[in-house]
PDB file of all heavy atoms in Angstrom:
ATOM      1  N   LEU A   1     106.963  98.172 108.768  1.00  0.00           N
ATOM      2  CA  LEU A   1     107.975  99.174 108.476  1.00  0.00           C
ATOM      3  C   LEU A   1     107.453 100.205 107.485  1.00  0.00           C
ATOM      4  O   LEU A   1     107.821 101.397 107.600  1.00  0.00           O
ATOM      5  CB  LEU A   1     109.240  98.496 107.984  1.00  0.00           C
ATOM      6  CG  LEU A   1     109.928  97.608 109.045  1.00  0.00           C
ATOM      7  CD1 LEU A   1     111.005  96.691 108.353  1.00  0.00           C
ATOM      8  CD2 LEU A   1     110.606  98.475 110.101  1.00  0.00           C
ATOM      9  N   SER A   2     106.644  99.857 106.509  1.00  0.00           N
ATOM     10  CA  SER A   2     106.115 100.795 105.625  1.00  0.00           C
ATOM     11  C   SER A   2     105.129 101.679 106.315  1.00  0.00           C
ATOM     12  O   SER A   2     105.059 102.897 106.025  1.00  0.00           O
ATOM     13  CB  SER A   2     105.507 100.164 104.379  1.00  0.00           C
ATOM     14  OG  SER A   2     104.401  99.358 104.726  1.00  0.00           O
ATOM     15  N   SER A   3     104.377 101.150 107.260  1.00  0.00           N
ATOM     16  CA  SER A   3     103.383 101.959 108.049  1.00  0.00           C
ATOM     17  C   SER A   3     104.153 102.953 108.866  1.00  0.00           C
ATOM     18  O   SER A   3     103.803 104.107 108.980  1.00  0.00           O
ATOM     19  CB  SER A   3     102.586 101.034 108.968  1.00  0.00           C
ATOM     20  OG  SER A   3     101.863 100.066 108.206  1.00  0.00           O
ATOM     21  N   LEU A   4     105.287 102.510 109.472  1.00  0.00           N
ATOM     22  CA  LEU A   4     106.065 103.423 110.329  1.00  0.00           C
ATOM     23  C   LEU A   4     106.644 104.572 109.417  1.00  0.00           C
ATOM     24  O   LEU A   4     106.603 105.710 109.863  1.00  0.00           O
ATOM     25  CB  LEU A   4     107.222 102.621 111.022  1.00  0.00           C
ATOM     26  CG  LEU A   4     108.263 103.456 111.725  1.00  0.00           C
ATOM     27  CD1 LEU A   4     107.624 104.288 112.852  1.00  0.00           C
ATOM     28  CD2 LEU A   4     109.359 102.507 112.330  1.00  0.00           C
ATOM     29  N   ALA A   5     107.163 104.207 108.306  1.00  0.00           N
ATOM     30  CA  ALA A   5     107.806 105.249 107.369  1.00  0.00           C
ATOM     31  C   ALA A   5     106.719 106.311 107.062  1.00  0.00           C
ATOM     32  O   ALA A   5     106.988 107.529 107.073  1.00  0.00           O
ATOM     33  CB  ALA A   5     108.307 104.600 106.132  1.00  0.00           C
ATOM     34  N   GLN A   6     105.459 105.868 106.707  1.00  0.00           N
ATOM     35  CA  GLN A   6     104.423 106.809 106.358  1.00  0.00           C
ATOM     36  C   GLN A   6     104.109 107.658 107.544  1.00  0.00           C
ATOM     37  O   GLN A   6     103.884 108.873 107.426  1.00  0.00           O
ATOM     38  CB  GLN A   6     103.172 106.005 105.902  1.00  0.00           C
ATOM     39  CG  GLN A   6     103.306 105.342 104.543  1.00  0.00           C
ATOM     40  CD  GLN A   6     102.213 104.418 104.231  1.00  0.00           C
ATOM     41  OE1 GLN A   6     101.367 104.147 105.077  1.00  0.00           O
ATOM     42  NE2 GLN A   6     102.189 103.860 103.050  1.00  0.00           N
ATOM     43  N   CYS A   7     104.007 107.116 108.764  1.00  0.00           N
ATOM     44  CA  CYS A   7     103.634 107.867 109.968  1.00  0.00           C
ATOM     45  C   CYS A   7     104.705 108.898 110.256  1.00  0.00           C
ATOM     46  O   CYS A   7     104.400 110.033 110.689  1.00  0.00           O
ATOM     47  CB  CYS A   7     103.415 106.961 111.131  1.00  0.00           C
ATOM     48  SG  CYS A   7     101.870 106.053 111.018  1.00  0.00           S
ATOM     49  N   LEU A   8     105.975 108.508 110.116  1.00  0.00           N
ATOM     50  CA  LEU A   8     107.081 109.468 110.410  1.00  0.00           C
ATOM     51  C   LEU A   8     107.047 110.661 109.433  1.00  0.00           C
ATOM     52  O   LEU A   8     107.327 111.785 109.776  1.00  0.00           O
ATOM     53  CB  LEU A   8     108.446 108.783 110.378  1.00  0.00           C
ATOM     54  CG  LEU A   8     108.705 107.767 111.535  1.00  0.00           C
ATOM     55  CD1 LEU A   8     109.999 107.078 111.336  1.00  0.00           C
ATOM     56  CD2 LEU A   8     108.642 108.474 112.880  1.00  0.00           C
ATOM     57  N   ASP A   9     106.690 110.363 108.186  1.00  0.00           N
ATOM     58  CA  ASP A   9     106.518 111.390 107.154  1.00  0.00           C
ATOM     59  C   ASP A   9     105.389 112.344 107.535  1.00  0.00           C
ATOM     60  O   ASP A   9     105.538 113.551 107.463  1.00  0.00           O
ATOM     61  CB  ASP A   9     106.200 110.766 105.742  1.00  0.00           C
ATOM     62  CG  ASP A   9     107.432 110.176 105.062  1.00  0.00           C
ATOM     63  OD1 ASP A   9     108.607 110.529 105.538  1.00  0.00           O
ATOM     64  OD2 ASP A   9     107.328 109.444 104.104  1.00  0.00           O
ATOM     65  N   VAL A  10     104.267 111.789 107.982  1.00  0.00           N
ATOM     66  CA  VAL A  10     103.124 112.625 108.414  1.00  0.00           C
ATOM     67  C   VAL A  10     103.557 113.464 109.623  1.00  0.00           C
ATOM     68  O   VAL A  10     103.237 114.679 109.637  1.00  0.00           O
ATOM     69  CB  VAL A  10     101.931 111.776 108.721  1.00  0.00           C
ATOM     70  CG1 VAL A  10     100.823 112.593 109.294  1.00  0.00           C
ATOM     71  CG2 VAL A  10     101.386 111.066 107.496  1.00  0.00           C
ATOM     72  N   LEU A  11     104.229 112.805 110.540  1.00  0.00           N
ATOM     73  CA  LEU A  11     104.667 113.601 111.715  1.00  0.00           C
ATOM     74  C   LEU A  11     105.514 114.826 111.316  1.00  0.00           C
ATOM     75  O   LEU A  11     105.287 115.928 111.820  1.00  0.00           O
ATOM     76  CB  LEU A  11     105.480 112.671 112.642  1.00  0.00           C
ATOM     77  CG  LEU A  11     106.314 113.346 113.753  1.00  0.00           C
ATOM     78  CD1 LEU A  11     105.434 114.076 114.719  1.00  0.00           C
ATOM     79  CD2 LEU A  11     107.149 112.324 114.483  1.00  0.00           C
ATOM     80  N   SER A  12     106.442 114.601 110.415  1.00  0.00           N
ATOM     81  CA  SER A  12     107.334 115.709 110.087  1.00  0.00           C
ATOM     82  C   SER A  12     106.688 116.802 109.275  1.00  0.00           C
ATOM     83  O   SER A  12     107.086 117.945 109.222  1.00  0.00           O
ATOM     84  CB  SER A  12     108.632 115.211 109.371  1.00  0.00           C
ATOM     85  OG  SER A  12     108.294 114.484 108.228  1.00  0.00           O
ATOM     86  N   THR A  13     105.595 116.471 108.535  1.00  0.00           N
ATOM     87  CA  THR A  13     104.887 117.485 107.782  1.00  0.00           C
ATOM     88  C   THR A  13     103.920 118.221 108.674  1.00  0.00           C
ATOM     89  O   THR A  13     103.607 119.437 108.481  1.00  0.00           O
ATOM     90  CB  THR A  13     104.122 116.931 106.557  1.00  0.00           C
ATOM     91  OG1 THR A  13     103.230 115.909 107.066  1.00  0.00           O
ATOM     92  CG2 THR A  13     105.030 116.353 105.551  1.00  0.00           C
ATOM     93  N   ARG A  14     103.355 117.555 109.729  1.00  0.00           N
ATOM     94  CA  ARG A  14     102.362 118.203 110.530  1.00  0.00           C
ATOM     95  C   ARG A  14     102.898 118.911 111.794  1.00  0.00           C
ATOM     96  O   ARG A  14     102.238 119.681 112.445  1.00  0.00           O
ATOM     97  CB  ARG A  14     101.350 117.097 111.006  1.00  0.00           C
ATOM     98  CG  ARG A  14     100.349 116.786 109.912  1.00  0.00           C
ATOM     99  CD  ARG A  14      99.357 115.737 110.360  1.00  0.00           C
ATOM    100  NE  ARG A  14      98.734 115.979 111.705  1.00  0.00           N
ATOM    101  CZ  ARG A  14      98.041 115.069 112.288  1.00  0.00           C
ATOM    102  NH1 ARG A  14      97.792 113.915 111.765  1.00  0.00           N
ATOM    103  NH2 ARG A  14      97.513 115.339 113.476  1.00  0.00           N
ATOM    104  N   PHE A  15     104.152 118.618 112.176  1.00  0.00           N
ATOM    105  CA  PHE A  15     104.693 119.066 113.443  1.00  0.00           C
ATOM    106  C   PHE A  15     106.144 119.239 113.430  1.00  0.00           C
ATOM    107  O   PHE A  15     106.917 118.405 112.939  1.00  0.00           O
ATOM    108  CB  PHE A  15     104.307 117.990 114.523  1.00  0.00           C
ATOM    109  CG  PHE A  15     104.593 118.375 115.970  1.00  0.00           C
ATOM    110  CD1 PHE A  15     103.669 119.198 116.601  1.00  0.00           C
ATOM    111  CD2 PHE A  15     105.681 117.942 116.629  1.00  0.00           C
ATOM    112  CE1 PHE A  15     103.929 119.603 117.960  1.00  0.00           C
ATOM    113  CE2 PHE A  15     105.911 118.249 117.981  1.00  0.00           C
ATOM    114  CZ  PHE A  15     105.027 119.098 118.648  1.00  0.00           C
ATOM    115  N   GLN A  16     106.676 120.446 113.898  1.00  0.00           N
ATOM    116  CA  GLN A  16     108.086 120.667 113.912  1.00  0.00           C
ATOM    117  C   GLN A  16     108.621 120.402 115.273  1.00  0.00           C
ATOM    118  O   GLN A  16     108.665 121.313 116.143  1.00  0.00           O
ATOM    119  CB  GLN A  16     108.346 122.130 113.470  1.00  0.00           C
ATOM    120  CG  GLN A  16     108.058 122.446 112.011  1.00  0.00           C
ATOM    121  CD  GLN A  16     108.629 121.440 111.072  1.00  0.00           C
ATOM    122  OE1 GLN A  16     107.998 120.747 110.353  1.00  0.00           O
ATOM    123  NE2 GLN A  16     109.966 121.475 111.077  1.00  0.00           N
ATOM    124  N   ALA A  17     109.033 119.204 115.586  1.00  0.00           N
ATOM    125  CA  ALA A  17     109.477 118.752 116.859  1.00  0.00           C
ATOM    126  C   ALA A  17     110.851 119.302 117.162  1.00  0.00           C
ATOM    127  O   ALA A  17     111.676 119.491 116.260  1.00  0.00           O
ATOM    128  CB  ALA A  17     109.468 117.235 117.001  1.00  0.00           C
ATOM    129  N   ASP A  18     111.118 119.598 118.405  1.00  0.00           N
ATOM    130  CA  ASP A  18     112.500 119.943 118.876  1.00  0.00           C
ATOM    131  C   ASP A  18     113.157 118.774 119.492  1.00  0.00           C
ATOM    132  O   ASP A  18     114.374 118.683 119.585  1.00  0.00           O
ATOM    133  CB  ASP A  18     112.422 121.067 119.884  1.00  0.00           C
ATOM    134  CG  ASP A  18     111.821 122.385 119.309  1.00  0.00           C
ATOM    135  OD1 ASP A  18     112.370 122.820 118.269  1.00  0.00           O
ATOM    136  OD2 ASP A  18     110.870 122.883 119.861  1.00  0.00           O
ATOM    137  N   CYS A  19     112.375 117.787 120.026  1.00  0.00           N
ATOM    138  CA  CYS A  19     112.943 116.549 120.515  1.00  0.00           C
ATOM    139  C   CYS A  19     111.867 115.515 120.560  1.00  0.00           C
ATOM    140  O   CYS A  19     110.688 115.747 120.375  1.00  0.00           O
ATOM    141  CB  CYS A  19     113.566 116.761 121.896  1.00  0.00           C
ATOM    142  SG  CYS A  19     112.412 117.344 123.137  1.00  0.00           S
ATOM    143  N   LEU A  20     112.388 114.254 120.678  1.00  0.00           N
ATOM    144  CA  LEU A  20     111.457 113.036 120.656  1.00  0.00           C
ATOM    145  C   LEU A  20     111.590 112.247 121.973  1.00  0.00           C
ATOM    146  O   LEU A  20     112.620 112.161 122.552  1.00  0.00           O
ATOM    147  CB  LEU A  20     111.911 112.108 119.529  1.00  0.00           C
ATOM    148  CG  LEU A  20     111.971 112.641 118.063  1.00  0.00           C
ATOM    149  CD1 LEU A  20     112.467 111.525 117.147  1.00  0.00           C
ATOM    150  CD2 LEU A  20     110.613 113.270 117.685  1.00  0.00           C
ATOM    151  N   ILE A  21     110.431 111.716 122.391  1.00  0.00           N
ATOM    152  CA  ILE A  21     110.405 110.657 123.384  1.00  0.00           C
ATOM    153  C   ILE A  21     109.944 109.413 122.670  1.00  0.00           C
ATOM    154  O   ILE A  21     108.832 109.389 122.042  1.00  0.00           O
ATOM    155  CB  ILE A  21     109.438 111.034 124.534  1.00  0.00           C
ATOM    156  CG1 ILE A  21     109.993 112.266 125.282  1.00  0.00           C
ATOM    157  CG2 ILE A  21     109.267 109.901 125.489  1.00  0.00           C
ATOM    158  CD1 ILE A  21     109.095 112.866 126.353  1.00  0.00           C
ATOM    159  N   TYR A  22     110.688 108.350 122.723  1.00  0.00           N
ATOM    160  CA  TYR A  22     110.461 107.105 121.958  1.00  0.00           C
ATOM    161  C   TYR A  22     110.196 105.949 122.891  1.00  0.00           C
ATOM    162  O   TYR A  22     111.062 105.630 123.695  1.00  0.00           O
ATOM    163  CB  TYR A  22     111.662 106.864 121.022  1.00  0.00           C
ATOM    164  CG  TYR A  22     111.678 105.526 120.307  1.00  0.00           C
ATOM    165  CD1 TYR A  22     110.473 104.996 119.841  1.00  0.00           C
ATOM    166  CD2 TYR A  22     112.823 104.865 120.075  1.00  0.00           C
ATOM    167  CE1 TYR A  22     110.486 103.812 119.191  1.00  0.00           C
ATOM    168  CE2 TYR A  22     112.841 103.592 119.351  1.00  0.00           C
ATOM    169  CZ  TYR A  22     111.681 103.062 118.904  1.00  0.00           C
ATOM    170  OH  TYR A  22     111.670 101.875 118.302  1.00  0.00           O
ATOM    171  N   LEU A  23     109.005 105.343 122.742  1.00  0.00           N
ATOM    172  CA  LEU A  23     108.654 104.161 123.545  1.00  0.00           C
ATOM    173  C   LEU A  23     108.918 102.954 122.630  1.00  0.00           C
ATOM    174  O   LEU A  23     108.207 102.701 121.692  1.00  0.00           O
ATOM    175  CB  LEU A  23     107.155 104.219 123.946  1.00  0.00           C
ATOM    176  CG  LEU A  23     106.778 105.148 125.137  1.00  0.00           C
ATOM    177  CD1 LEU A  23     106.884 106.592 124.611  1.00  0.00           C
ATOM    178  CD2 LEU A  23     105.379 104.854 125.628  1.00  0.00           C
ATOM    179  N   ALA A  24     110.054 102.263 122.928  1.00  0.00           N
ATOM    180  CA  ALA A  24     110.459 101.152 122.088  1.00  0.00           C
ATOM    181  C   ALA A  24     110.033  99.821 122.658  1.00  0.00           C
ATOM    182  O   ALA A  24     110.799  98.945 123.015  1.00  0.00           O
ATOM    183  CB  ALA A  24     112.052 101.218 122.072  1.00  0.00           C
ATOM    184  N   GLY A  25     108.702  99.661 122.681  1.00  0.00           N
ATOM    185  CA  GLY A  25     108.172  98.352 123.147  1.00  0.00           C
ATOM    186  C   GLY A  25     108.730  97.191 122.410  1.00  0.00           C
ATOM    187  O   GLY A  25     108.913  97.207 121.184  1.00  0.00           O
ATOM    188  N   ALA A  26     109.016  96.085 123.178  1.00  0.00           N
ATOM    189  CA  ALA A  26     109.479  94.839 122.549  1.00  0.00           C
ATOM    190  C   ALA A  26     108.329  93.988 122.084  1.00  0.00           C
ATOM    191  O   ALA A  26     108.522  92.944 121.399  1.00  0.00           O
ATOM    192  CB  ALA A  26     110.376  94.065 123.496  1.00  0.00           C
ATOM    193  N   ASP A  27     107.071  94.410 122.361  1.00  0.00           N
ATOM    194  CA  ASP A  27     105.944  93.493 122.189  1.00  0.00           C
ATOM    195  C   ASP A  27     105.338  93.415 120.749  1.00  0.00           C
ATOM    196  O   ASP A  27     104.508  92.563 120.521  1.00  0.00           O
ATOM    197  CB  ASP A  27     104.858  93.796 123.237  1.00  0.00           C
ATOM    198  CG  ASP A  27     104.584  95.289 123.517  1.00  0.00           C
ATOM    199  OD1 ASP A  27     105.134  96.104 122.716  1.00  0.00           O
ATOM    200  OD2 ASP A  27     103.946  95.622 124.499  1.00  0.00           O
ATOM    201  N   PRO A  28     105.783  94.179 119.788  1.00  0.00           N
ATOM    202  CA  PRO A  28     105.417  93.914 118.366  1.00  0.00           C
ATOM    203  C   PRO A  28     106.066  92.629 117.920  1.00  0.00           C
ATOM    204  O   PRO A  28     105.674  92.074 116.869  1.00  0.00           O
ATOM    205  CB  PRO A  28     105.810  95.097 117.580  1.00  0.00           C
ATOM    206  CG  PRO A  28     105.925  96.222 118.571  1.00  0.00           C
ATOM    207  CD  PRO A  28     106.404  95.595 119.852  1.00  0.00           C
ATOM    208  N   HIS A  29     107.075  92.141 118.652  1.00  0.00           N
ATOM    209  CA  HIS A  29     107.911  90.995 118.193  1.00  0.00           C
ATOM    210  C   HIS A  29     107.003  89.756 118.111  1.00  0.00           C
ATOM    211  O   HIS A  29     106.101  89.502 118.860  1.00  0.00           O
ATOM    212  CB  HIS A  29     109.005  90.726 119.162  1.00  0.00           C
ATOM    213  CG  HIS A  29     109.984  89.618 118.796  1.00  0.00           C
ATOM    214  ND1 HIS A  29     110.202  88.496 119.548  1.00  0.00           N
ATOM    215  CD2 HIS A  29     110.662  89.420 117.672  1.00  0.00           C
ATOM    216  CE1 HIS A  29     111.059  87.736 118.941  1.00  0.00           C
ATOM    217  NE2 HIS A  29     111.339  88.231 117.781  1.00  0.00           N
ATOM    218  N   GLU A  30     107.296  88.878 117.144  1.00  0.00           N
ATOM    219  CA  GLU A  30     106.525  87.685 116.855  1.00  0.00           C
ATOM    220  C   GLU A  30     106.408  86.716 118.025  1.00  0.00           C
ATOM    221  O   GLU A  30     105.525  85.901 118.089  1.00  0.00           O
ATOM    222  CB  GLU A  30     107.035  86.976 115.570  1.00  0.00           C
ATOM    223  CG  GLU A  30     108.486  86.519 115.696  1.00  0.00           C
ATOM    224  CD  GLU A  30     109.112  86.071 114.325  1.00  0.00           C
ATOM    225  OE1 GLU A  30     108.355  86.080 113.385  1.00  0.00           O
ATOM    226  OE2 GLU A  30     110.299  85.862 114.331  1.00  0.00           O
ATOM    227  N   ASP A  31     107.408  86.775 118.924  1.00  0.00           N
ATOM    228  CA  ASP A  31     107.429  85.835 120.046  1.00  0.00           C
ATOM    229  C   ASP A  31     106.700  86.354 121.285  1.00  0.00           C
ATOM    230  O   ASP A  31     106.707  85.689 122.300  1.00  0.00           O
ATOM    231  CB  ASP A  31     108.941  85.533 120.364  1.00  0.00           C
ATOM    232  CG  ASP A  31     109.139  84.254 121.232  1.00  0.00           C
ATOM    233  OD1 ASP A  31     108.377  83.325 120.964  1.00  0.00           O
ATOM    234  OD2 ASP A  31     109.854  84.336 122.228  1.00  0.00           O
ATOM    235  N   ASP A  32     106.087  87.510 121.190  1.00  0.00           N
ATOM    236  CA  ASP A  32     105.432  88.103 122.321  1.00  0.00           C
ATOM    237  C   ASP A  32     104.076  87.385 122.684  1.00  0.00           C
ATOM    238  O   ASP A  32     103.337  87.151 121.709  1.00  0.00           O
ATOM    239  CB  ASP A  32     105.237  89.564 122.164  1.00  0.00           C
ATOM    240  CG  ASP A  32     105.019  90.270 123.464  1.00  0.00           C
ATOM    241  OD1 ASP A  32     105.910  90.707 124.115  1.00  0.00           O
ATOM    242  OD2 ASP A  32     103.783  90.417 123.833  1.00  0.00           O
ATOM    243  N   ARG A  33     103.857  87.084 123.909  1.00  0.00           N
ATOM    244  CA  ARG A  33     102.621  86.453 124.310  1.00  0.00           C
ATOM    245  C   ARG A  33     101.382  87.314 124.104  1.00  0.00           C
ATOM    246  O   ARG A  33     100.268  86.795 123.869  1.00  0.00           O
ATOM    247  CB  ARG A  33     102.670  86.017 125.759  1.00  0.00           C
ATOM    248  CG  ARG A  33     103.479  84.807 126.119  1.00  0.00           C
ATOM    249  CD  ARG A  33     103.422  84.519 127.642  1.00  0.00           C
ATOM    250  NE  ARG A  33     104.085  85.561 128.364  1.00  0.00           N
ATOM    251  CZ  ARG A  33     103.492  86.204 129.473  1.00  0.00           C
ATOM    252  NH1 ARG A  33     102.329  85.906 129.816  1.00  0.00           N
ATOM    253  NH2 ARG A  33     104.191  87.138 130.085  1.00  0.00           N
ATOM    254  N   LEU A  34     101.513  88.612 124.215  1.00  0.00           N
ATOM    255  CA  LEU A  34     100.390  89.504 124.244  1.00  0.00           C
ATOM    256  C   LEU A  34     100.309  90.338 122.945  1.00  0.00           C
ATOM    257  O   LEU A  34      99.359  91.064 122.720  1.00  0.00           O
ATOM    258  CB  LEU A  34     100.427  90.441 125.452  1.00  0.00           C
ATOM    259  CG  LEU A  34     100.554  89.779 126.817  1.00  0.00           C
ATOM    260  CD1 LEU A  34     100.568  90.850 127.851  1.00  0.00           C
ATOM    261  CD2 LEU A  34      99.418  88.807 127.049  1.00  0.00           C
ATOM    262  N   GLY A  35     101.295  90.209 122.086  1.00  0.00           N
ATOM    263  CA  GLY A  35     101.513  91.196 120.963  1.00  0.00           C
ATOM    264  C   GLY A  35     100.577  90.950 119.744  1.00  0.00           C
ATOM    265  O   GLY A  35     100.062  91.943 119.182  1.00  0.00           O
ATOM    266  N   ARG A  36     100.431  89.750 119.341  1.00  0.00           N
ATOM    267  CA  ARG A  36      99.556  89.325 118.172  1.00  0.00           C
ATOM    268  C   ARG A  36     100.124  89.764 116.826  1.00  0.00           C
ATOM    269  O   ARG A  36      99.526  89.552 115.802  1.00  0.00           O
ATOM    270  CB  ARG A  36      98.167  89.967 118.305  1.00  0.00           C
ATOM    271  CG  ARG A  36      97.428  89.547 119.553  1.00  0.00           C
ATOM    272  CD  ARG A  36      95.991  89.935 119.407  1.00  0.00           C
ATOM    273  NE  ARG A  36      95.241  89.744 120.611  1.00  0.00           N
ATOM    274  CZ  ARG A  36      94.002  90.123 120.802  1.00  0.00           C
ATOM    275  NH1 ARG A  36      93.395  90.798 119.818  1.00  0.00           N
ATOM    276  NH2 ARG A  36      93.336  89.959 121.880  1.00  0.00           N
ATOM    277  N   LEU A  37     101.303  90.505 116.816  1.00  0.00           N
ATOM    278  CA  LEU A  37     101.878  90.843 115.527  1.00  0.00           C
ATOM    279  C   LEU A  37     102.979  89.868 115.135  1.00  0.00           C
ATOM    280  O   LEU A  37     103.346  89.002 115.982  1.00  0.00           O
ATOM    281  CB  LEU A  37     102.454  92.288 115.566  1.00  0.00           C
ATOM    282  CG  LEU A  37     101.502  93.392 115.950  1.00  0.00           C
ATOM    283  CD1 LEU A  37     102.162  94.742 115.819  1.00  0.00           C
ATOM    284  CD2 LEU A  37     100.186  93.392 115.118  1.00  0.00           C
TER     285      LEU A  37
END
């Protein structure tokens, strides 16, 4: 979550988006077979 917050801050300083496309993968979850996170 702290990594995400930092990246969103960088995004907003480097790029003025008009809209977002968000890929909400379920695979960072601890129960994922392939995720490792």
